Protein backbone atom coordinates (compact mmCIF):
# COMPACT_ATOMS: atom_id res chain seq x y z
CA UNK A 1 0.00 0.00 0.00
CA UNK A 2 1.49 3.30 -1.08
CA UNK A 3 1.54 6.12 1.47
CA UNK A 4 0.02 9.37 0.31
CA UNK A 5 1.80 12.65 0.72
CA UNK A 6 0.23 14.94 3.30
CA UNK A 7 -1.02 17.26 0.56
CA UNK A 8 -2.69 14.37 -1.29
CA UNK A 9 -4.67 13.18 1.71
CA UNK A 10 -8.36 13.85 2.13
CA UNK A 11 -10.19 14.27 5.41
CA UNK A 12 -11.40 10.68 4.99
CA UNK A 13 -7.80 9.46 4.61
CA UNK A 14 -6.84 11.20 7.85
CA UNK A 15 -9.88 9.73 9.57
CA UNK A 16 -8.89 6.21 8.52
CA UNK A 17 -5.34 6.76 9.80
CA UNK A 18 -6.78 8.09 13.06
CA UNK A 19 -9.05 5.06 13.46
CA UNK A 20 -6.17 2.66 12.72
CA UNK A 21 -3.81 4.29 15.23
CA UNK A 22 -3.69 3.06 18.85
CA UNK A 23 -1.32 5.63 20.35
CA UNK A 24 -3.06 8.81 21.52
CA UNK A 25 -0.01 11.00 20.91
CA UNK A 26 -0.01 9.86 17.29
CA UNK A 27 -3.78 10.36 17.05
CA UNK A 28 -3.22 13.94 18.20
CA UNK A 29 -0.48 14.38 15.59
CA UNK A 30 -2.93 13.22 12.91
CA UNK A 31 -5.43 15.83 14.10
CA UNK A 32 -2.73 18.51 14.01
CA UNK A 33 -1.95 17.56 10.41
CA UNK A 34 -5.64 17.75 9.49
CA UNK A 35 -5.97 21.39 10.47
CA UNK A 36 -6.87 23.60 7.56
CA UNK A 37 -7.75 20.87 5.07
CA UNK A 38 -11.04 20.85 3.19
CA UNK A 39 -13.68 18.24 3.81
CA UNK A 40 -13.78 17.98 7.60
CA UNK A 41 -17.44 17.33 8.37
CA UNK A 42 -19.59 16.65 11.41
CA UNK A 43 -19.72 12.99 10.37
CA UNK A 44 -15.92 12.71 10.34
CA UNK A 45 -15.67 14.39 13.76
CA UNK A 46 -18.43 12.18 15.15
CA UNK A 47 -16.80 9.00 13.80
CA UNK A 48 -13.43 9.91 15.28
CA UNK A 49 -14.95 10.90 18.61
CA UNK A 50 -17.18 7.83 18.90
CA UNK A 51 -14.22 5.54 18.22
CA UNK A 52 -12.82 6.84 21.53
CA UNK A 53 -16.15 6.94 23.38
CA UNK A 54 -16.14 10.76 23.28
CA UNK A 55 -19.20 12.88 22.60
CA UNK A 56 -18.52 16.25 21.00
CA UNK A 57 -21.37 18.71 21.48
CA UNK A 58 -23.08 20.34 18.52
CA UNK A 59 -21.64 23.54 17.11
CA UNK A 60 -19.61 24.78 14.20
CA UNK A 61 -17.01 22.51 12.63
CA UNK A 62 -14.04 24.51 13.90
CA UNK A 63 -15.12 24.45 17.54
CA UNK A 64 -16.06 20.76 17.39
CA UNK A 65 -12.69 19.91 15.82
CA UNK A 66 -10.85 21.88 18.52
CA UNK A 67 -12.85 20.05 21.21
CA UNK A 68 -11.89 16.69 19.68
CA UNK A 69 -8.24 17.75 19.68
CA UNK A 70 -8.51 18.82 23.33
CA UNK A 71 -10.01 15.47 24.33
CA UNK A 72 -7.33 13.49 22.49
CA UNK A 73 -4.54 15.69 23.89
CA UNK A 74 -5.86 15.14 27.43
CA UNK A 75 -6.12 11.37 26.92
CA UNK A 76 -2.58 11.31 25.46
CA UNK A 77 -1.27 13.14 28.51
CA UNK A 78 -2.84 10.71 30.97
CA UNK A 79 -1.94 7.67 28.88
CA UNK A 80 1.71 8.72 29.05
CA UNK A 81 1.54 9.27 32.81
CA UNK A 82 -0.18 5.91 33.37
CA UNK A 83 2.44 4.06 31.32
CA UNK A 84 5.31 5.60 33.31
CA UNK A 85 4.12 4.05 36.57
PDB file of N, CA and C in Angstrom:
ATOM      1  N   UNK A   1       0.847  -1.181   0.000  1.00  0.00           N
ATOM      2  CA  UNK A   1       0.000   0.000   0.000  1.00  0.00           C
ATOM      3  C   UNK A   1       0.891   1.242   0.000  1.00  0.00           C
ATOM      4  N   UNK A   2       0.672   2.104  -0.931  1.00  0.00           N
ATOM      5  CA  UNK A   2       1.486   3.303  -1.075  1.00  0.00           C
ATOM      6  C   UNK A   2       0.991   4.397  -0.156  1.00  0.00           C
ATOM      7  N   UNK A   3       1.922   5.010   0.588  1.00  0.00           N
ATOM      8  CA  UNK A   3       1.541   6.116   1.473  1.00  0.00           C
ATOM      9  C   UNK A   3       1.325   7.374   0.651  1.00  0.00           C
ATOM     10  N   UNK A   4       0.300   8.105   0.996  1.00  0.00           N
ATOM     11  CA  UNK A   4       0.022   9.366   0.307  1.00  0.00           C
ATOM     12  C   UNK A   4       0.795  10.487   0.966  1.00  0.00           C
ATOM     13  N   UNK A   5       1.186  11.454   0.168  1.00  0.00           N
ATOM     14  CA  UNK A   5       1.798  12.651   0.717  1.00  0.00           C
ATOM     15  C   UNK A   5       0.743  13.419   1.482  1.00  0.00           C
ATOM     16  N   UNK A   6       1.171  14.178   2.469  1.00  0.00           N
ATOM     17  CA  UNK A   6       0.229  14.936   3.297  1.00  0.00           C
ATOM     18  C   UNK A   6      -0.709  15.782   2.439  1.00  0.00           C
ATOM     19  N   UNK A   7      -0.197  16.376   1.392  1.00  0.00           N
ATOM     20  CA  UNK A   7      -1.016  17.259   0.560  1.00  0.00           C
ATOM     21  C   UNK A   7      -2.019  16.480  -0.288  1.00  0.00           C
ATOM     22  N   UNK A   8      -1.780  15.190  -0.495  1.00  0.00           N
ATOM     23  CA  UNK A   8      -2.685  14.369  -1.295  1.00  0.00           C
ATOM     24  C   UNK A   8      -3.791  13.733  -0.464  1.00  0.00           C
ATOM     25  N   UNK A   9      -3.717  13.871   0.839  1.00  0.00           N
ATOM     26  CA  UNK A   9      -4.667  13.182   1.707  1.00  0.00           C
ATOM     27  C   UNK A   9      -5.957  13.975   1.863  1.00  0.00           C
ATOM     28  N   UNK A  10      -7.055  13.238   1.883  1.00  0.00           N
ATOM     29  CA  UNK A  10      -8.359  13.848   2.131  1.00  0.00           C
ATOM     30  C   UNK A  10      -8.684  13.721   3.616  1.00  0.00           C
ATOM     31  N   UNK A  11      -9.748  14.379   4.027  1.00  0.00           N
ATOM     32  CA  UNK A  11     -10.188  14.269   5.411  1.00  0.00           C
ATOM     33  C   UNK A  11     -10.530  12.818   5.743  1.00  0.00           C
ATOM     34  N   UNK A  12     -11.076  12.095   4.782  1.00  0.00           N
ATOM     35  CA  UNK A  12     -11.397  10.685   4.991  1.00  0.00           C
ATOM     36  C   UNK A  12     -10.137   9.846   5.186  1.00  0.00           C
ATOM     37  N   UNK A  13      -9.070  10.167   4.440  1.00  0.00           N
ATOM     38  CA  UNK A  13      -7.795   9.458   4.610  1.00  0.00           C
ATOM     39  C   UNK A  13      -7.250   9.663   6.021  1.00  0.00           C
ATOM     40  N   UNK A  14      -7.298  10.909   6.483  1.00  0.00           N
ATOM     41  CA  UNK A  14      -6.838  11.204   7.847  1.00  0.00           C
ATOM     42  C   UNK A  14      -7.691  10.467   8.870  1.00  0.00           C
ATOM     43  N   UNK A  15      -9.003  10.428   8.641  1.00  0.00           N
ATOM     44  CA  UNK A  15      -9.881   9.731   9.574  1.00  0.00           C
ATOM     45  C   UNK A  15      -9.508   8.257   9.650  1.00  0.00           C
ATOM     46  N   UNK A  16      -9.256   7.635   8.515  1.00  0.00           N
ATOM     47  CA  UNK A  16      -8.893   6.214   8.516  1.00  0.00           C
ATOM     48  C   UNK A  16      -7.578   5.987   9.255  1.00  0.00           C
ATOM     49  N   UNK A  17      -6.600   6.871   9.057  1.00  0.00           N
ATOM     50  CA  UNK A  17      -5.335   6.764   9.797  1.00  0.00           C
ATOM     51  C   UNK A  17      -5.574   6.916  11.293  1.00  0.00           C
ATOM     52  N   UNK A  18      -6.433   7.852  11.652  1.00  0.00           N
ATOM     53  CA  UNK A  18      -6.781   8.092  13.058  1.00  0.00           C
ATOM     54  C   UNK A  18      -7.420   6.847  13.661  1.00  0.00           C
ATOM     55  N   UNK A  19      -8.353   6.245  12.950  1.00  0.00           N
ATOM     56  CA  UNK A  19      -9.049   5.065  13.455  1.00  0.00           C
ATOM     57  C   UNK A  19      -8.113   3.857  13.572  1.00  0.00           C
ATOM     58  N   UNK A  20      -7.130   3.780  12.691  1.00  0.00           N
ATOM     59  CA  UNK A  20      -6.173   2.661  12.720  1.00  0.00           C
ATOM     60  C   UNK A  20      -5.124   2.808  13.810  1.00  0.00           C
ATOM     61  N   UNK A  21      -4.882   4.024  14.261  1.00  0.00           N
ATOM     62  CA  UNK A  21      -3.808   4.290  15.231  1.00  0.00           C
ATOM     63  C   UNK A  21      -4.267   3.980  16.655  1.00  0.00           C
ATOM     64  N   UNK A  22      -3.380   3.366  17.453  1.00  0.00           N
ATOM     65  CA  UNK A  22      -3.692   3.056  18.846  1.00  0.00           C
ATOM     66  C   UNK A  22      -3.118   4.082  19.824  1.00  0.00           C
ATOM     67  N   UNK A  23      -2.023   4.700  19.468  1.00  0.00           N
ATOM     68  CA  UNK A  23      -1.319   5.627  20.347  1.00  0.00           C
ATOM     69  C   UNK A  23      -1.984   7.013  20.300  1.00  0.00           C
ATOM     70  N   UNK A  24      -2.348   7.523  21.475  1.00  0.00           N
ATOM     71  CA  UNK A  24      -3.064   8.808  21.518  1.00  0.00           C
ATOM     72  C   UNK A  24      -2.186   9.986  21.098  1.00  0.00           C
ATOM     73  N   UNK A  25      -0.900   9.923  21.361  1.00  0.00           N
ATOM     74  CA  UNK A  25      -0.013  10.998  20.911  1.00  0.00           C
ATOM     75  C   UNK A  25       0.008  11.051  19.384  1.00  0.00           C
ATOM     76  N   UNK A  26      -0.002   9.895  18.753  1.00  0.00           N
ATOM     77  CA  UNK A  26      -0.013   9.865  17.289  1.00  0.00           C
ATOM     78  C   UNK A  26      -1.383  10.252  16.736  1.00  0.00           C
ATOM     79  N   UNK A  27      -2.445   9.907  17.456  1.00  0.00           N
ATOM     80  CA  UNK A  27      -3.778  10.362  17.052  1.00  0.00           C
ATOM     81  C   UNK A  27      -3.827  11.895  17.073  1.00  0.00           C
ATOM     82  N   UNK A  28      -3.237  12.486  18.108  1.00  0.00           N
ATOM     83  CA  UNK A  28      -3.218  13.944  18.204  1.00  0.00           C
ATOM     84  C   UNK A  28      -2.414  14.546  17.044  1.00  0.00           C
ATOM     85  N   UNK A  29      -1.307  13.907  16.699  1.00  0.00           N
ATOM     86  CA  UNK A  29      -0.482  14.381  15.585  1.00  0.00           C
ATOM     87  C   UNK A  29      -1.285  14.343  14.277  1.00  0.00           C
ATOM     88  N   UNK A  30      -2.071  13.300  14.098  1.00  0.00           N
ATOM     89  CA  UNK A  30      -2.926  13.222  12.909  1.00  0.00           C
ATOM     90  C   UNK A  30      -3.907  14.394  12.884  1.00  0.00           C
ATOM     91  N   UNK A  31      -4.509  14.694  14.032  1.00  0.00           N
ATOM     92  CA  UNK A  31      -5.435  15.827  14.099  1.00  0.00           C
ATOM     93  C   UNK A  31      -4.724  17.143  13.794  1.00  0.00           C
ATOM     94  N   UNK A  32      -3.509  17.294  14.300  1.00  0.00           N
ATOM     95  CA  UNK A  32      -2.729  18.510  14.012  1.00  0.00           C
ATOM     96  C   UNK A  32      -2.504  18.644  12.506  1.00  0.00           C
ATOM     97  N   UNK A  33      -2.199  17.525  11.851  1.00  0.00           N
ATOM     98  CA  UNK A  33      -1.948  17.555  10.407  1.00  0.00           C
ATOM     99  C   UNK A  33      -3.215  17.825   9.603  1.00  0.00           C
ATOM    100  N   UNK A  34      -4.361  17.523  10.180  1.00  0.00           N
ATOM    101  CA  UNK A  34      -5.638  17.751   9.493  1.00  0.00           C
ATOM    102  C   UNK A  34      -6.040  19.214   9.459  1.00  0.00           C
ATOM    103  N   UNK A  35      -5.520  19.998  10.368  1.00  0.00           N
ATOM    104  CA  UNK A  35      -5.965  21.392  10.468  1.00  0.00           C
ATOM    105  C   UNK A  35      -5.819  22.117   9.140  1.00  0.00           C
ATOM    106  N   UNK A  36      -6.895  22.782   8.761  1.00  0.00           N
ATOM    107  CA  UNK A  36      -6.867  23.604   7.562  1.00  0.00           C
ATOM    108  C   UNK A  36      -7.202  22.874   6.274  1.00  0.00           C
ATOM    109  N   UNK A  37      -7.409  21.556   6.313  1.00  0.00           N
ATOM    110  CA  UNK A  37      -7.748  20.871   5.073  1.00  0.00           C
ATOM    111  C   UNK A  37      -9.246  20.955   4.826  1.00  0.00           C
ATOM    112  N   UNK A  38      -9.625  20.829   3.580  1.00  0.00           N
ATOM    113  CA  UNK A  38     -11.037  20.852   3.188  1.00  0.00           C
ATOM    114  C   UNK A  38     -11.668  19.498   3.486  1.00  0.00           C
ATOM    115  N   UNK A  39     -12.949  19.487   3.722  1.00  0.00           N
ATOM    116  CA  UNK A  39     -13.676  18.238   3.812  1.00  0.00           C
ATOM    117  C   UNK A  39     -13.905  17.698   5.204  1.00  0.00           C
ATOM    118  N   UNK A  40     -13.494  18.429   6.239  1.00  0.00           N
ATOM    119  CA  UNK A  40     -13.785  17.977   7.601  1.00  0.00           C
ATOM    120  C   UNK A  40     -15.261  18.259   7.865  1.00  0.00           C
ATOM    121  N   UNK A  41     -15.995  17.205   8.182  1.00  0.00           N
ATOM    122  CA  UNK A  41     -17.441  17.328   8.374  1.00  0.00           C
ATOM    123  C   UNK A  41     -17.824  16.877   9.782  1.00  0.00           C
ATOM    124  N   UNK A  42     -19.072  17.130  10.129  1.00  0.00           N
ATOM    125  CA  UNK A  42     -19.593  16.649  11.408  1.00  0.00           C
ATOM    126  C   UNK A  42     -19.516  15.128  11.488  1.00  0.00           C
ATOM    127  N   UNK A  43     -19.765  14.457  10.376  1.00  0.00           N
ATOM    128  CA  UNK A  43     -19.716  12.987  10.365  1.00  0.00           C
ATOM    129  C   UNK A  43     -18.312  12.490  10.666  1.00  0.00           C
ATOM    130  N   UNK A  44     -17.303  13.110  10.086  1.00  0.00           N
ATOM    131  CA  UNK A  44     -15.916  12.708  10.345  1.00  0.00           C
ATOM    132  C   UNK A  44     -15.576  12.938  11.813  1.00  0.00           C
ATOM    133  N   UNK A  45     -15.930  14.095  12.344  1.00  0.00           N
ATOM    134  CA  UNK A  45     -15.666  14.390  13.757  1.00  0.00           C
ATOM    135  C   UNK A  45     -16.396  13.396  14.652  1.00  0.00           C
ATOM    136  N   UNK A  46     -17.658  13.123  14.349  1.00  0.00           N
ATOM    137  CA  UNK A  46     -18.431  12.176  15.150  1.00  0.00           C
ATOM    138  C   UNK A  46     -17.841  10.768  15.094  1.00  0.00           C
ATOM    139  N   UNK A  47     -17.403  10.332  13.920  1.00  0.00           N
ATOM    140  CA  UNK A  47     -16.802   9.005  13.798  1.00  0.00           C
ATOM    141  C   UNK A  47     -15.512   8.899  14.608  1.00  0.00           C
ATOM    142  N   UNK A  48     -14.688   9.913  14.529  1.00  0.00           N
ATOM    143  CA  UNK A  48     -13.427   9.907  15.276  1.00  0.00           C
ATOM    144  C   UNK A  48     -13.705   9.923  16.776  1.00  0.00           C
ATOM    145  N   UNK A  49     -14.622  10.778  17.187  1.00  0.00           N
ATOM    146  CA  UNK A  49     -14.949  10.896  18.609  1.00  0.00           C
ATOM    147  C   UNK A  49     -15.574   9.608  19.145  1.00  0.00           C
ATOM    148  N   UNK A  50     -16.498   9.038  18.403  1.00  0.00           N
ATOM    149  CA  UNK A  50     -17.176   7.834  18.901  1.00  0.00           C
ATOM    150  C   UNK A  50     -16.230   6.645  18.966  1.00  0.00           C
ATOM    151  N   UNK A  51     -15.195   6.627  18.140  1.00  0.00           N
ATOM    152  CA  UNK A  51     -14.218   5.538  18.219  1.00  0.00           C
ATOM    153  C   UNK A  51     -13.473   5.549  19.552  1.00  0.00           C
ATOM    154  N   UNK A  52     -13.505   6.689  20.236  1.00  0.00           N
ATOM    155  CA  UNK A  52     -12.822   6.844  21.529  1.00  0.00           C
ATOM    156  C   UNK A  52     -13.811   6.987  22.680  1.00  0.00           C
ATOM    157  N   UNK A  53     -15.083   6.766  22.398  1.00  0.00           N
ATOM    158  CA  UNK A  53     -16.154   6.940  23.385  1.00  0.00           C
ATOM    159  C   UNK A  53     -16.255   8.378  23.873  1.00  0.00           C
ATOM    160  N   UNK A  54     -15.974   9.336  22.989  1.00  0.00           N
ATOM    161  CA  UNK A  54     -16.139  10.756  23.281  1.00  0.00           C
ATOM    162  C   UNK A  54     -17.429  11.221  22.615  1.00  0.00           C
ATOM    163  N   UNK A  55     -18.059  12.215  23.215  1.00  0.00           N
ATOM    164  CA  UNK A  55     -19.201  12.882  22.597  1.00  0.00           C
ATOM    165  C   UNK A  55     -18.821  14.353  22.476  1.00  0.00           C
ATOM    166  N   UNK A  56     -18.846  14.846  21.262  1.00  0.00           N
ATOM    167  CA  UNK A  56     -18.519  16.249  21.003  1.00  0.00           C
ATOM    168  C   UNK A  56     -19.833  16.977  20.762  1.00  0.00           C
ATOM    169  N   UNK A  57     -20.085  18.007  21.577  1.00  0.00           N
ATOM    170  CA  UNK A  57     -21.368  18.714  21.480  1.00  0.00           C
ATOM    171  C   UNK A  57     -21.513  19.427  20.135  1.00  0.00           C
ATOM    172  N   UNK A  58     -22.757  19.673  19.777  1.00  0.00           N
ATOM    173  CA  UNK A  58     -23.078  20.343  18.516  1.00  0.00           C
ATOM    174  C   UNK A  58     -22.481  21.750  18.492  1.00  0.00           C
ATOM    175  N   UNK A  59     -22.197  22.211  17.303  1.00  0.00           N
ATOM    176  CA  UNK A  59     -21.638  23.540  17.112  1.00  0.00           C
ATOM    177  C   UNK A  59     -21.041  23.634  15.725  1.00  0.00           C
ATOM    178  N   UNK A  60     -20.238  24.670  15.512  1.00  0.00           N
ATOM    179  CA  UNK A  60     -19.612  24.777  14.198  1.00  0.00           C
ATOM    180  C   UNK A  60     -18.437  23.804  14.093  1.00  0.00           C
ATOM    181  N   UNK A  61     -18.055  23.514  12.886  1.00  0.00           N
ATOM    182  CA  UNK A  61     -17.012  22.507  12.626  1.00  0.00           C
ATOM    183  C   UNK A  61     -15.714  22.851  13.357  1.00  0.00           C
ATOM    184  N   UNK A  62     -15.315  24.107  13.306  1.00  0.00           N
ATOM    185  CA  UNK A  62     -14.040  24.507  13.904  1.00  0.00           C
ATOM    186  C   UNK A  62     -14.014  24.259  15.411  1.00  0.00           C
ATOM    187  N   UNK A  63     -15.092  24.638  16.088  1.00  0.00           N
ATOM    188  CA  UNK A  63     -15.120  24.452  17.543  1.00  0.00           C
ATOM    189  C   UNK A  63     -15.218  22.975  17.904  1.00  0.00           C
ATOM    190  N   UNK A  64     -15.952  22.205  17.130  1.00  0.00           N
ATOM    191  CA  UNK A  64     -16.058  20.759  17.388  1.00  0.00           C
ATOM    192  C   UNK A  64     -14.704  20.080  17.161  1.00  0.00           C
ATOM    193  N   UNK A  65     -13.998  20.482  16.106  1.00  0.00           N
ATOM    194  CA  UNK A  65     -12.685  19.909  15.816  1.00  0.00           C
ATOM    195  C   UNK A  65     -11.704  20.241  16.937  1.00  0.00           C
ATOM    196  N   UNK A  66     -11.735  21.484  17.412  1.00  0.00           N
ATOM    197  CA  UNK A  66     -10.851  21.884  18.523  1.00  0.00           C
ATOM    198  C   UNK A  66     -11.177  21.105  19.795  1.00  0.00           C
ATOM    199  N   UNK A  67     -12.449  20.835  20.044  1.00  0.00           N
ATOM    200  CA  UNK A  67     -12.853  20.049  21.210  1.00  0.00           C
ATOM    201  C   UNK A  67     -12.345  18.608  21.098  1.00  0.00           C
ATOM    202  N   UNK A  68     -12.423  18.040  19.903  1.00  0.00           N
ATOM    203  CA  UNK A  68     -11.891  16.694  19.681  1.00  0.00           C
ATOM    204  C   UNK A  68     -10.389  16.673  19.941  1.00  0.00           C
ATOM    205  N   UNK A  69      -9.686  17.665  19.435  1.00  0.00           N
ATOM    206  CA  UNK A  69      -8.236  17.749  19.684  1.00  0.00           C
ATOM    207  C   UNK A  69      -7.936  17.847  21.174  1.00  0.00           C
ATOM    208  N   UNK A  70      -8.723  18.656  21.891  1.00  0.00           N
ATOM    209  CA  UNK A  70      -8.507  18.817  23.330  1.00  0.00           C
ATOM    210  C   UNK A  70      -8.703  17.495  24.063  1.00  0.00           C
ATOM    211  N   UNK A  71      -9.740  16.769  23.693  1.00  0.00           N
ATOM    212  CA  UNK A  71     -10.011  15.474  24.334  1.00  0.00           C
ATOM    213  C   UNK A  71      -8.877  14.483  24.069  1.00  0.00           C
ATOM    214  N   UNK A  72      -8.411  14.425  22.837  1.00  0.00           N
ATOM    215  CA  UNK A  72      -7.326  13.490  22.489  1.00  0.00           C
ATOM    216  C   UNK A  72      -6.031  13.901  23.173  1.00  0.00           C
ATOM    217  N   UNK A  73      -5.752  15.206  23.217  1.00  0.00           N
ATOM    218  CA  UNK A  73      -4.541  15.690  23.891  1.00  0.00           C
ATOM    219  C   UNK A  73      -4.563  15.325  25.378  1.00  0.00           C
ATOM    220  N   UNK A  74      -5.716  15.481  26.012  1.00  0.00           N
ATOM    221  CA  UNK A  74      -5.856  15.136  27.429  1.00  0.00           C
ATOM    222  C   UNK A  74      -5.658  13.645  27.641  1.00  0.00           C
ATOM    223  N   UNK A  75      -6.275  12.826  26.807  1.00  0.00           N
ATOM    224  CA  UNK A  75      -6.123  11.372  26.923  1.00  0.00           C
ATOM    225  C   UNK A  75      -4.663  10.976  26.695  1.00  0.00           C
ATOM    226  N   UNK A  76      -3.994  11.612  25.731  1.00  0.00           N
ATOM    227  CA  UNK A  76      -2.577  11.314  25.456  1.00  0.00           C
ATOM    228  C   UNK A  76      -1.721  11.635  26.679  1.00  0.00           C
ATOM    229  N   UNK A  77      -2.027  12.742  27.322  1.00  0.00           N
ATOM    230  CA  UNK A  77      -1.272  13.145  28.511  1.00  0.00           C
ATOM    231  C   UNK A  77      -1.406  12.101  29.616  1.00  0.00           C
ATOM    232  N   UNK A  78      -2.627  11.669  29.885  1.00  0.00           N
ATOM    233  CA  UNK A  78      -2.840  10.714  30.970  1.00  0.00           C
ATOM    234  C   UNK A  78      -2.409   9.307  30.601  1.00  0.00           C
ATOM    235  N   UNK A  79      -2.450   8.961  29.319  1.00  0.00           N
ATOM    236  CA  UNK A  79      -1.942   7.669  28.884  1.00  0.00           C
ATOM    237  C   UNK A  79      -0.444   7.592  29.125  1.00  0.00           C
ATOM    238  N   UNK A  80       0.269   8.664  28.844  1.00  0.00           N
ATOM    239  CA  UNK A  80       1.706   8.718  29.050  1.00  0.00           C
ATOM    240  C   UNK A  80       2.022   8.607  30.534  1.00  0.00           C
ATOM    241  N   UNK A  81       1.292   9.323  31.377  1.00  0.00           N
ATOM    242  CA  UNK A  81       1.538   9.269  32.811  1.00  0.00           C
ATOM    243  C   UNK A  81       1.244   7.879  33.373  1.00  0.00           C
ATOM    244  N   UNK A  82       0.194   7.243  32.888  1.00  0.00           N
ATOM    245  CA  UNK A  82      -0.181   5.914  33.367  1.00  0.00           C
ATOM    246  C   UNK A  82       0.883   4.883  32.983  1.00  0.00           C
ATOM    247  N   UNK A  83       1.439   5.016  31.782  1.00  0.00           N
ATOM    248  CA  UNK A  83       2.439   4.057  31.321  1.00  0.00           C
ATOM    249  C   UNK A  83       3.777   4.206  32.028  1.00  0.00           C
ATOM    250  N   UNK A  84       4.041   5.364  32.599  1.00  0.00           N
ATOM    251  CA  UNK A  84       5.306   5.598  33.307  1.00  0.00           C
ATOM    252  C   UNK A  84       5.340   4.918  34.664  1.00  0.00           C
ATOM    253  N   UNK A  85       4.174   4.631  35.229  1.00  0.00           N
ATOM    254  CA  UNK A  85       4.121   4.048  36.575  1.00  0.00           C
ATOM    255  C   UNK A  85       4.459   2.590  36.564  1.00  0.00           C
TER     256      UNK A  85
END
